Amino acid sequence: MGVDGIAVLVLNQNYEPLNVCSVRRAIVLVLRGKAEVIETARAVLHTARTTLALPSVIRLVHMVRRPRPKVRLTRREIFQRDGWQCVYCGRQTRDLTLDHVIPRHRGGPHTWENLVAACRTCNH
């Protein structure tokens, strides 16, 4: 099997899985001091000067911030998050409305944290 056929798991500094890269990329990261080997594969790489155990898991030396995927802010997503029930009375209904916890006219934002599902009776 060639070197390119081996996949390497890349962990963040806190051991959170980030992605999978080629063994070639993993070796470059390790040799540049940007990552350390956590687990090795059974395979080795022979060069003119040395023999390297091929990594199967590496951990980055510095923390990499990953942007969290944003879920679109829609009525349906809010209703789904709240279990298709009114957050005030707990009644399950398909006739829900959106309620701003801090009203818009008082400066309340149109955000996930400020929107809840409410039945028409509770959202008067």
PDB file of N, CA and C in Angstrom:
ATOM      1  N   MET A   1       0.853  -1.186   0.000  1.00  0.00           N
ATOM      2  CA  MET A   1       0.000   0.000   0.000  1.00  0.00           C
ATOM      3  C   MET A   1       0.888   1.234   0.000  1.00  0.00           C
ATOM      4  N   GLY A   2       0.554   2.218  -0.783  1.00  0.00           N
ATOM      5  CA  GLY A   2       1.323   3.447  -0.833  1.00  0.00           C
ATOM      6  C   GLY A   2       1.030   4.338   0.359  1.00  0.00           C
ATOM      7  N   VAL A   3       1.897   5.292   0.559  1.00  0.00           N
ATOM      8  CA  VAL A   3       1.750   6.231   1.671  1.00  0.00           C
ATOM      9  C   VAL A   3       0.460   7.029   1.537  1.00  0.00           C
ATOM     10  N   ASP A   4       0.067   7.361   0.331  1.00  0.00           N
ATOM     11  CA  ASP A   4      -1.121   8.188   0.126  1.00  0.00           C
ATOM     12  C   ASP A   4      -2.417   7.473   0.478  1.00  0.00           C
ATOM     13  N   GLY A   5      -2.395   6.158   0.606  1.00  0.00           N
ATOM     14  CA  GLY A   5      -3.614   5.416   0.916  1.00  0.00           C
ATOM     15  C   GLY A   5      -3.952   5.357   2.394  1.00  0.00           C
ATOM     16  N   ILE A   6      -3.116   5.957   3.243  1.00  0.00           N
ATOM     17  CA  ILE A   6      -3.339   5.898   4.687  1.00  0.00           C
ATOM     18  C   ILE A   6      -3.936   7.215   5.158  1.00  0.00           C
ATOM     19  N   ALA A   7      -5.026   7.137   5.903  1.00  0.00           N
ATOM     20  CA  ALA A   7      -5.673   8.330   6.447  1.00  0.00           C
ATOM     21  C   ALA A   7      -5.236   8.512   7.899  1.00  0.00           C
ATOM     22  N   VAL A   8      -5.101   9.757   8.313  1.00  0.00           N
ATOM     23  CA  VAL A   8      -4.664  10.082   9.667  1.00  0.00           C
ATOM     24  C   VAL A   8      -5.721  10.959  10.321  1.00  0.00           C
ATOM     25  N   LEU A   9      -6.126  10.587  11.529  1.00  0.00           N
ATOM     26  CA  LEU A   9      -7.075  11.379  12.296  1.00  0.00           C
ATOM     27  C   LEU A   9      -6.338  12.551  12.929  1.00  0.00           C
ATOM     28  N   VAL A  10      -6.875  13.762  12.757  1.00  0.00           N
ATOM     29  CA  VAL A  10      -6.276  14.970  13.323  1.00  0.00           C
ATOM     30  C   VAL A  10      -7.139  15.422  14.496  1.00  0.00           C
ATOM     31  N   LEU A  11      -6.501  15.542  15.665  1.00  0.00           N
ATOM     32  CA  LEU A  11      -7.185  16.000  16.873  1.00  0.00           C
ATOM     33  C   LEU A  11      -6.745  17.419  17.190  1.00  0.00           C
ATOM     34  N   ASN A  12      -7.658  18.190  17.770  1.00  0.00           N
ATOM     35  CA  ASN A  12      -7.317  19.517  18.243  1.00  0.00           C
ATOM     36  C   ASN A  12      -6.460  19.383  19.493  1.00  0.00           C
ATOM     37  N   GLN A  13      -5.966  20.479  20.020  1.00  0.00           N
ATOM     38  CA  GLN A  13      -5.128  20.438  21.215  1.00  0.00           C
ATOM     39  C   GLN A  13      -5.856  19.793  22.392  1.00  0.00           C
ATOM     40  N   ASN A  14      -7.180  19.958  22.444  1.00  0.00           N
ATOM     41  CA  ASN A  14      -7.982  19.391  23.536  1.00  0.00           C
ATOM     42  C   ASN A  14      -8.494  17.982  23.213  1.00  0.00           C
ATOM     43  N   TYR A  15      -7.925  17.351  22.218  1.00  0.00           N
ATOM     44  CA  TYR A  15      -8.255  15.991  21.772  1.00  0.00           C
ATOM     45  C   TYR A  15      -9.616  15.881  21.082  1.00  0.00           C
ATOM     46  N   GLU A  16     -10.199  16.985  20.698  1.00  0.00           N
ATOM     47  CA  GLU A  16     -11.445  16.972  19.927  1.00  0.00           C
ATOM     48  C   GLU A  16     -11.104  16.637  18.472  1.00  0.00           C
ATOM     49  N   PRO A  17     -11.805  15.677  17.860  1.00  0.00           N
ATOM     50  CA  PRO A  17     -11.524  15.353  16.456  1.00  0.00           C
ATOM     51  C   PRO A  17     -11.812  16.545  15.546  1.00  0.00           C
ATOM     52  N   LEU A  18     -10.865  16.838  14.664  1.00  0.00           N
ATOM     53  CA  LEU A  18     -11.038  17.942  13.715  1.00  0.00           C
ATOM     54  C   LEU A  18     -11.363  17.444  12.319  1.00  0.00           C
ATOM     55  N   ASN A  19     -10.513  16.553  11.805  1.00  0.00           N
ATOM     56  CA  ASN A  19     -10.723  16.032  10.458  1.00  0.00           C
ATOM     57  C   ASN A  19      -9.787  14.856  10.208  1.00  0.00           C
ATOM     58  N   VAL A  20      -9.756  14.422   8.990  1.00  0.00           N
ATOM     59  CA  VAL A  20      -8.853  13.355   8.563  1.00  0.00           C
ATOM     60  C   VAL A  20      -7.998  13.933   7.441  1.00  0.00           C
ATOM     61  N   CYS A  21      -6.708  13.646   7.497  1.00  0.00           N
ATOM     62  CA  CYS A  21      -5.817  14.139   6.446  1.00  0.00           C
ATOM     63  C   CYS A  21      -4.966  12.989   5.920  1.00  0.00           C
ATOM     64  N   SER A  22      -4.192  13.278   4.904  1.00  0.00           N
ATOM     65  CA  SER A  22      -3.301  12.260   4.338  1.00  0.00           C
ATOM     66  C   SER A  22      -2.108  12.070   5.270  1.00  0.00           C
ATOM     67  N   VAL A  23      -1.476  10.924   5.170  1.00  0.00           N
ATOM     68  CA  VAL A  23      -0.304  10.653   5.997  1.00  0.00           C
ATOM     69  C   VAL A  23       0.830  11.610   5.627  1.00  0.00           C
ATOM     70  N   ARG A  24       0.894  11.988   4.380  1.00  0.00           N
ATOM     71  CA  ARG A  24       1.911  12.948   3.930  1.00  0.00           C
ATOM     72  C   ARG A  24       1.742  14.289   4.651  1.00  0.00           C
ATOM     73  N   ARG A  25       0.505  14.783   4.707  1.00  0.00           N
ATOM     74  CA  ARG A  25       0.225  16.047   5.402  1.00  0.00           C
ATOM     75  C   ARG A  25       0.521  15.914   6.892  1.00  0.00           C
ATOM     76  N   ALA A  26       0.178  14.784   7.487  1.00  0.00           N
ATOM     77  CA  ALA A  26       0.421  14.559   8.910  1.00  0.00           C
ATOM     78  C   ALA A  26       1.915  14.583   9.223  1.00  0.00           C
ATOM     79  N   ILE A  27       2.716  13.955   8.377  1.00  0.00           N
ATOM     80  CA  ILE A  27       4.168  13.948   8.592  1.00  0.00           C
ATOM     81  C   ILE A  27       4.729  15.364   8.523  1.00  0.00           C
ATOM     82  N   VAL A  28       4.248  16.150   7.570  1.00  0.00           N
ATOM     83  CA  VAL A  28       4.693  17.544   7.453  1.00  0.00           C
ATOM     84  C   VAL A  28       4.345  18.315   8.725  1.00  0.00           C
ATOM     85  N   LEU A  29       3.122  18.141   9.237  1.00  0.00           N
ATOM     86  CA  LEU A  29       2.720  18.839  10.462  1.00  0.00           C
ATOM     87  C   LEU A  29       3.599  18.437  11.645  1.00  0.00           C
ATOM     88  N   VAL A  30       3.907  17.162  11.758  1.00  0.00           N
ATOM     89  CA  VAL A  30       4.750  16.678  12.860  1.00  0.00           C
ATOM     90  C   VAL A  30       6.175  17.208  12.719  1.00  0.00           C
ATOM     91  N   LEU A  31       6.750  17.125  11.531  1.00  0.00           N
ATOM     92  CA  LEU A  31       8.129  17.578  11.327  1.00  0.00           C
ATOM     93  C   LEU A  31       8.286  19.084  11.512  1.00  0.00           C
ATOM     94  N   ARG A  32       7.245  19.844  11.255  1.00  0.00           N
ATOM     95  CA  ARG A  32       7.294  21.300  11.463  1.00  0.00           C
ATOM     96  C   ARG A  32       6.974  21.695  12.902  1.00  0.00           C
ATOM     97  N   GLY A  33       6.685  20.722  13.748  1.00  0.00           N
ATOM     98  CA  GLY A  33       6.408  21.016  15.150  1.00  0.00           C
ATOM     99  C   GLY A  33       5.002  21.518  15.412  1.00  0.00           C
ATOM    100  N   LYS A  34       4.117  21.367  14.450  1.00  0.00           N
ATOM    101  CA  LYS A  34       2.739  21.832  14.614  1.00  0.00           C
ATOM    102  C   LYS A  34       1.829  20.762  15.189  1.00  0.00           C
ATOM    103  N   ALA A  35       2.302  19.508  15.208  1.00  0.00           N
ATOM    104  CA  ALA A  35       1.497  18.398  15.723  1.00  0.00           C
ATOM    105  C   ALA A  35       2.422  17.369  16.357  1.00  0.00           C
ATOM    106  N   GLU A  36       1.823  16.523  17.187  1.00  0.00           N
ATOM    107  CA  GLU A  36       2.567  15.418  17.784  1.00  0.00           C
ATOM    108  C   GLU A  36       1.831  14.121  17.489  1.00  0.00           C
ATOM    109  N   VAL A  37       2.578  13.043  17.400  1.00  0.00           N
ATOM    110  CA  VAL A  37       1.996  11.739  17.092  1.00  0.00           C
ATOM    111  C   VAL A  37       1.406  11.148  18.364  1.00  0.00           C
ATOM    112  N   ILE A  38       0.149  10.725  18.291  1.00  0.00           N
ATOM    113  CA  ILE A  38      -0.522  10.075  19.416  1.00  0.00           C
ATOM    114  C   ILE A  38      -0.520   8.564  19.211  1.00  0.00           C
ATOM    115  N   GLU A  39      -0.830   8.128  18.010  1.00  0.00           N
ATOM    116  CA  GLU A  39      -0.839   6.698  17.657  1.00  0.00           C
ATOM    117  C   GLU A  39      -0.109   6.524  16.338  1.00  0.00           C
ATOM    118  N   THR A  40       0.537   5.387  16.197  1.00  0.00           N
ATOM    119  CA  THR A  40       1.200   5.091  14.929  1.00  0.00           C
ATOM    120  C   THR A  40       0.529   3.897  14.264  1.00  0.00           C
ATOM    121  N   ALA A  41       0.643   3.876  12.958  1.00  0.00           N
ATOM    122  CA  ALA A  41       0.144   2.736  12.189  1.00  0.00           C
ATOM    123  C   ALA A  41       1.218   1.652  12.212  1.00  0.00           C
ATOM    124  N   ARG A  42       0.890   0.500  11.723  1.00  0.00           N
ATOM    125  CA  ARG A  42       1.886  -0.581  11.655  1.00  0.00           C
ATOM    126  C   ARG A  42       2.909  -0.341  10.553  1.00  0.00           C
ATOM    127  N   ALA A  43       2.575   0.496   9.616  1.00  0.00           N
ATOM    128  CA  ALA A  43       3.457   0.748   8.476  1.00  0.00           C
ATOM    129  C   ALA A  43       4.575   1.721   8.851  1.00  0.00           C
ATOM    130  N   VAL A  44       5.667   1.624   8.146  1.00  0.00           N
ATOM    131  CA  VAL A  44       6.784   2.546   8.328  1.00  0.00           C
ATOM    132  C   VAL A  44       7.177   3.114   6.971  1.00  0.00           C
ATOM    133  N   LEU A  45       7.845   4.251   7.025  1.00  0.00           N
ATOM    134  CA  LEU A  45       8.329   4.907   5.814  1.00  0.00           C
ATOM    135  C   LEU A  45       9.850   4.923   5.876  1.00  0.00           C
ATOM    136  N   HIS A  46      10.486   4.350   4.891  1.00  0.00           N
ATOM    137  CA  HIS A  46      11.946   4.322   4.829  1.00  0.00           C
ATOM    138  C   HIS A  46      12.413   5.452   3.920  1.00  0.00           C
ATOM    139  N   THR A  47      13.295   6.284   4.447  1.00  0.00           N
ATOM    140  CA  THR A  47      13.921   7.324   3.637  1.00  0.00           C
ATOM    141  C   THR A  47      15.408   7.007   3.549  1.00  0.00           C
ATOM    142  N   ALA A  48      16.156   7.844   2.862  1.00  0.00           N
ATOM    143  CA  ALA A  48      17.595   7.620   2.722  1.00  0.00           C
ATOM    144  C   ALA A  48      18.314   7.730   4.066  1.00  0.00           C
ATOM    145  N   ARG A  49      17.760   8.536   4.976  1.00  0.00           N
ATOM    146  CA  ARG A  49      18.448   8.784   6.243  1.00  0.00           C
ATOM    147  C   ARG A  49      17.784   8.162   7.462  1.00  0.00           C
ATOM    148  N   THR A  50      16.507   7.860   7.379  1.00  0.00           N
ATOM    149  CA  THR A  50      15.803   7.408   8.581  1.00  0.00           C
ATOM    150  C   THR A  50      14.618   6.526   8.232  1.00  0.00           C
ATOM    151  N   THR A  51      14.058   5.951   9.255  1.00  0.00           N
ATOM    152  CA  THR A  51      12.823   5.182   9.128  1.00  0.00           C
ATOM    153  C   THR A  51      11.797   5.816  10.055  1.00  0.00           C
ATOM    154  N   LEU A  52      10.637   6.153   9.516  1.00  0.00           N
ATOM    155  CA  LEU A  52       9.573   6.797  10.295  1.00  0.00           C
ATOM    156  C   LEU A  52       8.395   5.855  10.460  1.00  0.00           C
ATOM    157  N   ALA A  53       7.898   5.764  11.690  1.00  0.00           N
ATOM    158  CA  ALA A  53       6.630   5.063  11.911  1.00  0.00           C
ATOM    159  C   ALA A  53       5.526   6.003  11.444  1.00  0.00           C
ATOM    160  N   LEU A  54       4.647   5.526  10.599  1.00  0.00           N
ATOM    161  CA  LEU A  54       3.598   6.392  10.051  1.00  0.00           C
ATOM    162  C   LEU A  54       2.529   6.653  11.102  1.00  0.00           C
ATOM    163  N   PRO A  55       2.138   7.912  11.261  1.00  0.00           N
ATOM    164  CA  PRO A  55       1.116   8.232  12.260  1.00  0.00           C
ATOM    165  C   PRO A  55      -0.272   7.794  11.797  1.00  0.00           C
ATOM    166  N   SER A  56      -1.101   7.401  12.759  1.00  0.00           N
ATOM    167  CA  SER A  56      -2.509   7.142  12.458  1.00  0.00           C
ATOM    168  C   SER A  56      -3.393   8.165  13.165  1.00  0.00           C
ATOM    169  N   VAL A  57      -2.869   8.756  14.260  1.00  0.00           N
ATOM    170  CA  VAL A  57      -3.567   9.823  14.983  1.00  0.00           C
ATOM    171  C   VAL A  57      -2.530  10.862  15.386  1.00  0.00           C
ATOM    172  N   ILE A  58      -2.816  12.132  15.071  1.00  0.00           N
ATOM    173  CA  ILE A  58      -1.946  13.223  15.515  1.00  0.00           C
ATOM    174  C   ILE A  58      -2.783  14.241  16.278  1.00  0.00           C
ATOM    175  N   ARG A  59      -2.090  15.008  17.142  1.00  0.00           N
ATOM    176  CA  ARG A  59      -2.752  16.062  17.916  1.00  0.00           C
ATOM    177  C   ARG A  59      -2.026  17.367  17.642  1.00  0.00           C
ATOM    178  N   LEU A  60      -2.788  18.403  17.319  1.00  0.00           N
ATOM    179  CA  LEU A  60      -2.189  19.705  17.054  1.00  0.00           C
ATOM    180  C   LEU A  60      -1.632  20.296  18.341  1.00  0.00           C
ATOM    181  N   VAL A  61      -0.510  20.997  18.240  1.00  0.00           N
ATOM    182  CA  VAL A  61       0.139  21.591  19.404  1.00  0.00           C
ATOM    183  C   VAL A  61      -0.649  22.797  19.898  1.00  0.00           C
ATOM    184  N   HIS A  62      -1.192  23.571  18.987  1.00  0.00           N
ATOM    185  CA  HIS A  62      -1.967  24.760  19.348  1.00  0.00           C
ATOM    186  C   HIS A  62      -3.439  24.537  19.033  1.00  0.00           C
ATOM    187  N   MET A  63      -4.283  25.158  19.836  1.00  0.00           N
ATOM    188  CA  MET A  63      -5.734  25.050  19.666  1.00  0.00           C
ATOM    189  C   MET A  63      -6.159  25.741  18.374  1.00  0.00           C
ATOM    190  N   VAL A  64      -7.018  25.091  17.623  1.00  0.00           N
ATOM    191  CA  VAL A  64      -7.577  25.666  16.398  1.00  0.00           C
ATOM    192  C   VAL A  64      -9.048  25.937  16.652  1.00  0.00           C
ATOM    193  N   ARG A  65      -9.445  27.180  16.473  1.00  0.00           N
ATOM    194  CA  ARG A  65     -10.864  27.520  16.649  1.00  0.00           C
ATOM    195  C   ARG A  65     -11.612  27.139  15.384  1.00  0.00           C
ATOM    196  N   ARG A  66     -12.661  26.373  15.591  1.00  0.00           N
ATOM    197  CA  ARG A  66     -13.496  25.959  14.460  1.00  0.00           C
ATOM    198  C   ARG A  66     -14.783  26.752  14.490  1.00  0.00           C
ATOM    199  N   PRO A  67     -15.157  27.341  13.385  1.00  0.00           N
ATOM    200  CA  PRO A  67     -16.470  27.989  13.375  1.00  0.00           C
ATOM    201  C   PRO A  67     -17.559  26.928  13.443  1.00  0.00           C
ATOM    202  N   ARG A  68     -18.499  27.125  14.314  1.00  0.00           N
ATOM    203  CA  ARG A  68     -19.613  26.193  14.430  1.00  0.00           C
ATOM    204  C   ARG A  68     -20.571  26.437  13.276  1.00  0.00           C
ATOM    205  N   PRO A  69     -21.086  25.393  12.680  1.00  0.00           N
ATOM    206  CA  PRO A  69     -22.028  25.604  11.583  1.00  0.00           C
ATOM    207  C   PRO A  69     -23.289  26.300  12.088  1.00  0.00           C
ATOM    208  N   LYS A  70     -23.701  27.307  11.356  1.00  0.00           N
ATOM    209  CA  LYS A  70     -24.892  28.051  11.761  1.00  0.00           C
ATOM    210  C   LYS A  70     -26.133  27.407  11.165  1.00  0.00           C
ATOM    211  N   VAL A  71     -27.124  27.218  12.016  1.00  0.00           N
ATOM    212  CA  VAL A  71     -28.415  26.719  11.564  1.00  0.00           C
ATOM    213  C   VAL A  71     -29.259  27.940  11.238  1.00  0.00           C
ATOM    214  N   ARG A  72     -29.923  27.899  10.122  1.00  0.00           N
ATOM    215  CA  ARG A  72     -30.730  29.043   9.709  1.00  0.00           C
ATOM    216  C   ARG A  72     -31.809  29.340  10.732  1.00  0.00           C
ATOM    217  N   LEU A  73     -32.035  30.608  10.966  1.00  0.00           N
ATOM    218  CA  LEU A  73     -33.052  31.058  11.908  1.00  0.00           C
ATOM    219  C   LEU A  73     -34.379  31.186  11.166  1.00  0.00           C
ATOM    220  N   THR A  74     -35.220  30.147  11.271  1.00  0.00           N
ATOM    221  CA  THR A  74     -36.530  30.149  10.633  1.00  0.00           C
ATOM    222  C   THR A  74     -37.578  29.772  11.664  1.00  0.00           C
ATOM    223  N   ARG A  75     -38.825  30.075  11.353  1.00  0.00           N
ATOM    224  CA  ARG A  75     -39.925  29.711  12.253  1.00  0.00           C
ATOM    225  C   ARG A  75     -39.924  28.209  12.521  1.00  0.00           C
ATOM    226  N   ARG A  76     -39.782  27.454  11.456  1.00  0.00           N
ATOM    227  CA  ARG A  76     -39.814  25.997  11.579  1.00  0.00           C
ATOM    228  C   ARG A  76     -38.707  25.487  12.504  1.00  0.00           C
ATOM    229  N   GLU A  77     -37.504  26.040  12.386  1.00  0.00           N
ATOM    230  CA  GLU A  77     -36.388  25.616  13.238  1.00  0.00           C
ATOM    231  C   GLU A  77     -36.647  25.961  14.705  1.00  0.00           C
ATOM    232  N   ILE A  78     -37.215  27.130  14.968  1.00  0.00           N
ATOM    233  CA  ILE A  78     -37.553  27.509  16.356  1.00  0.00           C
ATOM    234  C   ILE A  78     -38.611  26.557  16.906  1.00  0.00           C
ATOM    235  N   PHE A  79     -39.662  26.293  16.123  1.00  0.00           N
ATOM    236  CA  PHE A  79     -40.723  25.385  16.576  1.00  0.00           C
ATOM    237  C   PHE A  79     -40.164  23.985  16.825  1.00  0.00           C
ATOM    238  N   GLN A  80     -39.300  23.545  15.947  1.00  0.00           N
ATOM    239  CA  GLN A  80     -38.700  22.219  16.106  1.00  0.00           C
ATOM    240  C   GLN A  80     -37.821  22.174  17.355  1.00  0.00           C
ATOM    241  N   ARG A  81     -37.023  23.217  17.573  1.00  0.00           N
ATOM    242  CA  ARG A  81     -36.170  23.279  18.765  1.00  0.00           C
ATOM    243  C   ARG A  81     -36.999  23.182  20.041  1.00  0.00           C
ATOM    244  N   ASP A  82     -38.158  23.850  20.053  1.00  0.00           N
ATOM    245  CA  ASP A  82     -39.010  23.878  21.241  1.00  0.00           C
ATOM    246  C   ASP A  82     -39.999  22.720  21.288  1.00  0.00           C
ATOM    247  N   GLY A  83     -39.837  21.743  20.412  1.00  0.00           N
ATOM    248  CA  GLY A  83     -40.663  20.539  20.458  1.00  0.00           C
ATOM    249  C   GLY A  83     -42.103  20.747  20.028  1.00  0.00           C
ATOM    250  N   TRP A  84     -42.343  21.728  19.187  1.00  0.00           N
ATOM    251  CA  TRP A  84     -43.686  22.034  18.686  1.00  0.00           C
ATOM    252  C   TRP A  84     -44.672  22.239  19.831  1.00  0.00           C
ATOM    253  N   GLN A  85     -44.187  22.867  20.915  1.00  0.00           N
ATOM    254  CA  GLN A  85     -45.090  23.176  22.029  1.00  0.00           C
ATOM    255  C   GLN A  85     -44.781  24.572  22.557  1.00  0.00           C
ATOM    256  N   CYS A  86     -45.765  25.156  23.189  1.00  0.00           N
ATOM    257  CA  CYS A  86     -45.632  26.485  23.772  1.00  0.00           C
ATOM    258  C   CYS A  86     -44.673  26.400  24.962  1.00  0.00           C
ATOM    259  N   VAL A  87     -43.678  27.274  24.994  1.00  0.00           N
ATOM    260  CA  VAL A  87     -42.719  27.230  26.100  1.00  0.00           C
ATOM    261  C   VAL A  87     -43.315  27.768  27.394  1.00  0.00           C
ATOM    262  N   TYR A  88     -44.432  28.486  27.306  1.00  0.00           N
ATOM    263  CA  TYR A  88     -45.043  29.061  28.503  1.00  0.00           C
ATOM    264  C   TYR A  88     -46.025  28.102  29.174  1.00  0.00           C
ATOM    265  N   CYS A  89     -46.926  27.491  28.404  1.00  0.00           N
ATOM    266  CA  CYS A  89     -47.937  26.608  29.002  1.00  0.00           C
ATOM    267  C   CYS A  89     -47.689  25.130  28.713  1.00  0.00           C
ATOM    268  N   GLY A  90     -46.793  24.823  27.781  1.00  0.00           N
ATOM    269  CA  GLY A  90     -46.452  23.438  27.479  1.00  0.00           C
ATOM    270  C   GLY A  90     -47.416  22.730  26.545  1.00  0.00           C
ATOM    271  N   ARG A  91     -48.425  23.451  26.046  1.00  0.00           N
ATOM    272  CA  ARG A  91     -49.412  22.830  25.164  1.00  0.00           C
ATOM    273  C   ARG A  91     -48.805  22.568  23.788  1.00  0.00           C
ATOM    274  N   GLN A  92     -48.995  21.354  23.282  1.00  0.00           N
ATOM    275  CA  GLN A  92     -48.522  21.012  21.944  1.00  0.00           C
ATOM    276  C   GLN A  92     -49.598  21.357  20.936  1.00  0.00           C
ATOM    277  N   THR A  93     -49.207  22.133  19.945  1.00  0.00           N
ATOM    278  CA  THR A  93     -50.147  22.550  18.912  1.00  0.00           C
ATOM    279  C   THR A  93     -49.371  22.888  17.647  1.00  0.00           C
ATOM    280  N   ARG A  94     -50.046  22.788  16.532  1.00  0.00           N
ATOM    281  CA  ARG A  94     -49.430  23.192  15.262  1.00  0.00           C
ATOM    282  C   ARG A  94     -49.699  24.671  14.987  1.00  0.00           C
ATOM    283  N   ASP A  95     -50.539  25.299  15.804  1.00  0.00           N
ATOM    284  CA  ASP A  95     -50.893  26.707  15.634  1.00  0.00           C
ATOM    285  C   ASP A  95     -50.019  27.563  16.556  1.00  0.00           C
ATOM    286  N   LEU A  96     -48.714  27.572  16.282  1.00  0.00           N
ATOM    287  CA  LEU A  96     -47.773  28.305  17.117  1.00  0.00           C
ATOM    288  C   LEU A  96     -47.408  29.647  16.500  1.00  0.00           C
ATOM    289  N   THR A  97     -46.964  30.550  17.351  1.00  0.00           N
ATOM    290  CA  THR A  97     -46.444  31.844  16.912  1.00  0.00           C
ATOM    291  C   THR A  97     -45.045  32.009  17.491  1.00  0.00           C
ATOM    292  N   LEU A  98     -44.307  32.945  16.940  1.00  0.00           N
ATOM    293  CA  LEU A  98     -42.999  33.277  17.498  1.00  0.00           C
ATOM    294  C   LEU A  98     -43.162  34.407  18.498  1.00  0.00           C
ATOM    295  N   ASP A  99     -42.494  34.287  19.638  1.00  0.00           N
ATOM    296  CA  ASP A  99     -42.525  35.343  20.644  1.00  0.00           C
ATOM    297  C   ASP A  99     -41.105  35.797  20.919  1.00  0.00           C
ATOM    298  N   HIS A 100     -40.907  37.106  20.915  1.00  0.00           N
ATOM    299  CA  HIS A 100     -39.623  37.668  21.317  1.00  0.00           C
ATOM    300  C   HIS A 100     -39.669  37.828  22.835  1.00  0.00           C
ATOM    301  N   VAL A 101     -38.769  37.157  23.552  1.00  0.00           N
ATOM    302  CA  VAL A 101     -38.744  37.224  25.011  1.00  0.00           C
ATOM    303  C   VAL A 101     -38.557  38.669  25.448  1.00  0.00           C
ATOM    304  N   ILE A 102     -37.556  39.337  24.908  1.00  0.00           N
ATOM    305  CA  ILE A 102     -37.427  40.785  25.078  1.00  0.00           C
ATOM    306  C   ILE A 102     -38.004  41.383  23.804  1.00  0.00           C
ATOM    307  N   PRO A 103     -39.128  42.106  23.916  1.00  0.00           N
ATOM    308  CA  PRO A 103     -39.812  42.609  22.718  1.00  0.00           C
ATOM    309  C   PRO A 103     -38.895  43.437  21.816  1.00  0.00           C
ATOM    310  N   ARG A 104     -39.181  43.379  20.537  1.00  0.00           N
ATOM    311  CA  ARG A 104     -38.382  44.122  19.556  1.00  0.00           C
ATOM    312  C   ARG A 104     -38.414  45.620  19.839  1.00  0.00           C
ATOM    313  N   HIS A 105     -39.577  46.144  20.255  1.00  0.00           N
ATOM    314  CA  HIS A 105     -39.671  47.584  20.494  1.00  0.00           C
ATOM    315  C   HIS A 105     -38.874  48.016  21.728  1.00  0.00           C
ATOM    316  N   ARG A 106     -38.421  47.054  22.528  1.00  0.00           N
ATOM    317  CA  ARG A 106     -37.550  47.362  23.675  1.00  0.00           C
ATOM    318  C   ARG A 106     -36.098  46.996  23.380  1.00  0.00           C
ATOM    319  N   GLY A 107     -35.811  46.775  22.120  1.00  0.00           N
ATOM    320  CA  GLY A 107     -34.435  46.496  21.722  1.00  0.00           C
ATOM    321  C   GLY A 107     -34.065  45.031  21.692  1.00  0.00           C
ATOM    322  N   GLY A 108     -35.051  44.157  21.815  1.00  0.00           N
ATOM    323  CA  GLY A 108     -34.771  42.724  21.776  1.00  0.00           C
ATOM    324  C   GLY A 108     -34.344  42.287  20.389  1.00  0.00           C
ATOM    325  N   PRO A 109     -33.292  41.498  20.293  1.00  0.00           N
ATOM    326  CA  PRO A 109     -32.807  41.073  18.979  1.00  0.00           C
ATOM    327  C   PRO A 109     -33.634  39.928  18.402  1.00  0.00           C
ATOM    328  N   HIS A 110     -33.508  39.736  17.124  1.00  0.00           N
ATOM    329  CA  HIS A 110     -34.167  38.632  16.424  1.00  0.00           C
ATOM    330  C   HIS A 110     -33.142  37.503  16.331  1.00  0.00           C
ATOM    331  N   THR A 111     -32.896  36.828  17.484  1.00  0.00           N
ATOM    332  CA  THR A 111     -31.863  35.800  17.588  1.00  0.00           C
ATOM    333  C   THR A 111     -32.441  34.529  18.189  1.00  0.00           C
ATOM    334  N   TRP A 112     -31.657  33.435  18.089  1.00  0.00           N
ATOM    335  CA  TRP A 112     -32.066  32.147  18.651  1.00  0.00           C
ATOM    336  C   TRP A 112     -32.368  32.269  20.138  1.00  0.00           C
ATOM    337  N   GLU A 113     -31.577  33.057  20.852  1.00  0.00           N
ATOM    338  CA  GLU A 113     -31.722  33.160  22.300  1.00  0.00           C
ATOM    339  C   GLU A 113     -32.946  33.966  22.711  1.00  0.00           C
ATOM    340  N   ASN A 114     -33.435  34.838  21.845  1.00  0.00           N
ATOM    341  CA  ASN A 114     -34.551  35.709  22.198  1.00  0.00           C
ATOM    342  C   ASN A 114     -35.875  35.270  21.582  1.00  0.00           C
ATOM    343  N   LEU A 115     -35.893  34.214  20.797  1.00  0.00           N
ATOM    344  CA  LEU A 115     -37.122  33.740  20.163  1.00  0.00           C
ATOM    345  C   LEU A 115     -37.568  32.418  20.771  1.00  0.00           C
ATOM    346  N   VAL A 116     -38.871  32.304  21.024  1.00  0.00           N
ATOM    347  CA  VAL A 116     -39.442  31.054  21.525  1.00  0.00           C
ATOM    348  C   VAL A 116     -40.763  30.788  20.818  1.00  0.00           C
ATOM    349  N   ALA A 117     -41.176  29.525  20.856  1.00  0.00           N
ATOM    350  CA  ALA A 117     -42.479  29.141  20.313  1.00  0.00           C
ATOM    351  C   ALA A 117     -43.531  29.390  21.383  1.00  0.00           C
ATOM    352  N   ALA A 118     -44.637  29.998  20.986  1.00  0.00           N
ATOM    353  CA  ALA A 118     -45.719  30.281  21.930  1.00  0.00           C
ATOM    354  C   ALA A 118     -47.058  30.074  21.236  1.00  0.00           C
ATOM    355  N   CYS A 119     -48.034  29.574  22.003  1.00  0.00           N
ATOM    356  CA  CYS A 119     -49.382  29.444  21.439  1.00  0.00           C
ATOM    357  C   CYS A 119     -50.003  30.838  21.368  1.00  0.00           C
ATOM    358  N   ARG A 120     -51.077  30.964  20.607  1.00  0.00           N
ATOM    359  CA  ARG A 120     -51.699  32.280  20.422  1.00  0.00           C
ATOM    360  C   ARG A 120     -52.230  32.854  21.730  1.00  0.00           C
ATOM    361  N   THR A 121     -52.696  31.986  22.630  1.00  0.00           N
ATOM    362  CA  THR A 121     -53.229  32.454  23.909  1.00  0.00           C
ATOM    363  C   THR A 121     -52.133  33.093  24.758  1.00  0.00           C
ATOM    364  N   CYS A 122     -50.981  32.448  24.829  1.00  0.00           N
ATOM    365  CA  CYS A 122     -49.882  32.960  25.659  1.00  0.00           C
ATOM    366  C   CYS A 122     -49.173  34.152  25.027  1.00  0.00           C
ATOM    367  N   ASN A 123     -49.177  34.243  23.706  1.00  0.00           N
ATOM    368  CA  ASN A 123     -48.484  35.326  23.011  1.00  0.00           C
ATOM    369  C   ASN A 123     -49.483  36.401  22.614  1.00  0.00           C
ATOM    370  N   HIS A 124     -50.067  37.037  23.596  1.00  0.00           N
ATOM    371  CA  HIS A 124     -51.073  38.067  23.318  1.00  0.00           C
ATOM    372  C   HIS A 124     -50.494  39.444  23.350  1.00  0.00           C
TER     373      HIS A 124
END
